[in-house]
């Protein structure tokens, strides 16, 4: 992955999170954060 692709994907991700925050509030971000940490623990277990 080149730097320009990584920067573009990061910008889209941050833009999507920002849009979600401004449209729906921070409840979704808390839920997504908890699910992300669950995914990290699951992936670490299978490593």
N, C-alpha and C. Protein backbone atom coordinates (compact mmCIF):
# COMPACT_ATOMS: atom_id res chain seq x y z
N UNK A 1 0.85 -1.17 0.00
CA UNK A 1 0.00 0.00 0.00
C UNK A 1 0.90 1.23 0.00
N UNK A 2 0.62 2.13 -0.89
CA UNK A 2 1.42 3.35 -0.97
C UNK A 2 0.94 4.37 0.06
N UNK A 3 1.75 5.37 0.28
CA UNK A 3 1.39 6.40 1.26
C UNK A 3 0.13 7.16 0.84
N UNK A 4 -0.01 7.43 -0.43
CA UNK A 4 -1.18 8.19 -0.87
C UNK A 4 -2.47 7.38 -0.68
N UNK A 5 -2.41 6.09 -0.91
CA UNK A 5 -3.61 5.26 -0.67
C UNK A 5 -3.93 5.20 0.82
N UNK A 6 -2.91 5.06 1.66
CA UNK A 6 -3.13 5.01 3.10
C UNK A 6 -3.71 6.32 3.62
N UNK A 7 -3.21 7.43 3.13
CA UNK A 7 -3.73 8.74 3.56
C UNK A 7 -5.17 8.92 3.10
N UNK A 8 -5.48 8.49 1.88
CA UNK A 8 -6.84 8.60 1.37
C UNK A 8 -7.81 7.74 2.18
N UNK A 9 -7.41 6.50 2.45
CA UNK A 9 -8.28 5.63 3.26
C UNK A 9 -8.47 6.18 4.68
N UNK A 10 -7.39 6.71 5.26
CA UNK A 10 -7.50 7.31 6.59
C UNK A 10 -8.41 8.52 6.60
N UNK A 11 -8.33 9.33 5.54
CA UNK A 11 -9.20 10.52 5.45
C UNK A 11 -10.66 10.11 5.31
N UNK A 12 -10.94 9.08 4.49
CA UNK A 12 -12.31 8.59 4.36
C UNK A 12 -12.83 8.03 5.69
N UNK A 13 -11.99 7.31 6.40
CA UNK A 13 -12.39 6.74 7.68
C UNK A 13 -12.70 7.84 8.70
N UNK A 14 -11.81 8.80 8.82
CA UNK A 14 -12.04 9.90 9.76
C UNK A 14 -13.23 10.76 9.34
N UNK A 15 -13.40 10.96 8.04
CA UNK A 15 -14.56 11.71 7.55
C UNK A 15 -15.86 10.99 7.85
N UNK A 16 -15.87 9.68 7.68
CA UNK A 16 -17.07 8.90 8.00
C UNK A 16 -17.39 8.91 9.48
N UNK A 17 -16.37 8.80 10.32
CA UNK A 17 -16.60 8.88 11.76
C UNK A 17 -17.08 10.27 12.17
N UNK A 18 -16.52 11.29 11.58
CA UNK A 18 -16.96 12.65 11.87
C UNK A 18 -18.39 12.89 11.42
N UNK A 19 -18.74 12.40 10.26
CA UNK A 19 -20.11 12.53 9.76
C UNK A 19 -21.10 11.78 10.66
N UNK A 20 -20.72 10.59 11.09
CA UNK A 20 -21.57 9.81 12.00
C UNK A 20 -21.75 10.56 13.33
N UNK A 21 -20.68 11.16 13.83
CA UNK A 21 -20.77 11.90 15.08
C UNK A 21 -21.70 13.10 14.96
N UNK A 22 -21.57 13.85 13.88
CA UNK A 22 -22.39 15.06 13.74
C UNK A 22 -23.85 14.75 13.41
N UNK A 23 -24.11 13.64 12.74
CA UNK A 23 -25.49 13.30 12.40
C UNK A 23 -26.22 12.56 13.51
N UNK A 24 -25.52 11.66 14.20
CA UNK A 24 -26.20 10.78 15.15
C UNK A 24 -25.72 10.88 16.58
N UNK A 25 -24.70 11.65 16.85
CA UNK A 25 -24.20 11.77 18.21
C UNK A 25 -23.11 10.75 18.49
N UNK A 26 -22.70 10.69 19.75
CA UNK A 26 -21.56 9.85 20.10
C UNK A 26 -21.94 8.45 20.57
N UNK A 27 -23.22 8.11 20.62
CA UNK A 27 -23.63 6.78 21.08
C UNK A 27 -23.12 5.69 20.15
N UNK A 28 -23.15 5.94 18.85
CA UNK A 28 -22.68 4.93 17.91
C UNK A 28 -21.17 4.73 18.03
N UNK A 29 -20.44 5.80 18.28
CA UNK A 29 -18.99 5.68 18.38
C UNK A 29 -18.58 4.87 19.60
N UNK A 30 -19.31 5.00 20.69
CA UNK A 30 -19.02 4.20 21.88
C UNK A 30 -19.28 2.73 21.58
N UNK A 31 -20.39 2.43 20.92
CA UNK A 31 -20.70 1.06 20.55
C UNK A 31 -19.64 0.48 19.62
N UNK A 32 -19.26 1.25 18.59
CA UNK A 32 -18.25 0.78 17.65
C UNK A 32 -16.89 0.60 18.33
N UNK A 33 -16.58 1.47 19.27
CA UNK A 33 -15.32 1.34 20.01
C UNK A 33 -15.28 0.07 20.83
N UNK A 34 -16.38 -0.24 21.51
CA UNK A 34 -16.45 -1.47 22.30
C UNK A 34 -16.33 -2.70 21.40
N UNK A 35 -17.01 -2.69 20.27
CA UNK A 35 -16.94 -3.82 19.36
C UNK A 35 -15.54 -3.96 18.75
N UNK A 36 -14.87 -2.84 18.50
CA UNK A 36 -13.52 -2.89 17.96
C UNK A 36 -12.57 -3.53 18.96
N UNK A 37 -12.69 -3.18 20.24
CA UNK A 37 -11.82 -3.78 21.24
C UNK A 37 -12.13 -5.27 21.42
N UNK A 38 -13.38 -5.66 21.30
CA UNK A 38 -13.72 -7.08 21.31
C UNK A 38 -13.07 -7.80 20.13
N UNK A 39 -13.08 -7.17 18.96
CA UNK A 39 -12.45 -7.76 17.79
C UNK A 39 -10.94 -7.89 17.99
N UNK A 40 -10.31 -6.89 18.60
CA UNK A 40 -8.87 -6.97 18.86
C UNK A 40 -8.54 -8.11 19.81
N UNK A 41 -9.34 -8.28 20.85
CA UNK A 41 -9.10 -9.36 21.79
C UNK A 41 -9.30 -10.71 21.12
N UNK A 42 -10.30 -10.82 20.26
CA UNK A 42 -10.55 -12.07 19.56
C UNK A 42 -9.41 -12.39 18.61
N UNK A 43 -8.92 -11.38 17.89
CA UNK A 43 -7.81 -11.59 16.97
C UNK A 43 -6.52 -11.94 17.73
N UNK A 44 -6.30 -11.33 18.89
CA UNK A 44 -5.12 -11.62 19.68
C UNK A 44 -5.18 -13.04 20.23
N UNK A 45 -6.36 -13.53 20.54
CA UNK A 45 -6.52 -14.89 21.02
C UNK A 45 -6.11 -15.89 19.93
N UNK A 46 -6.51 -15.64 18.69
CA UNK A 46 -6.24 -16.56 17.60
C UNK A 46 -4.83 -16.41 17.04
N UNK A 47 -4.12 -15.41 17.47
CA UNK A 47 -2.76 -15.23 17.00
C UNK A 47 -1.90 -16.26 17.66
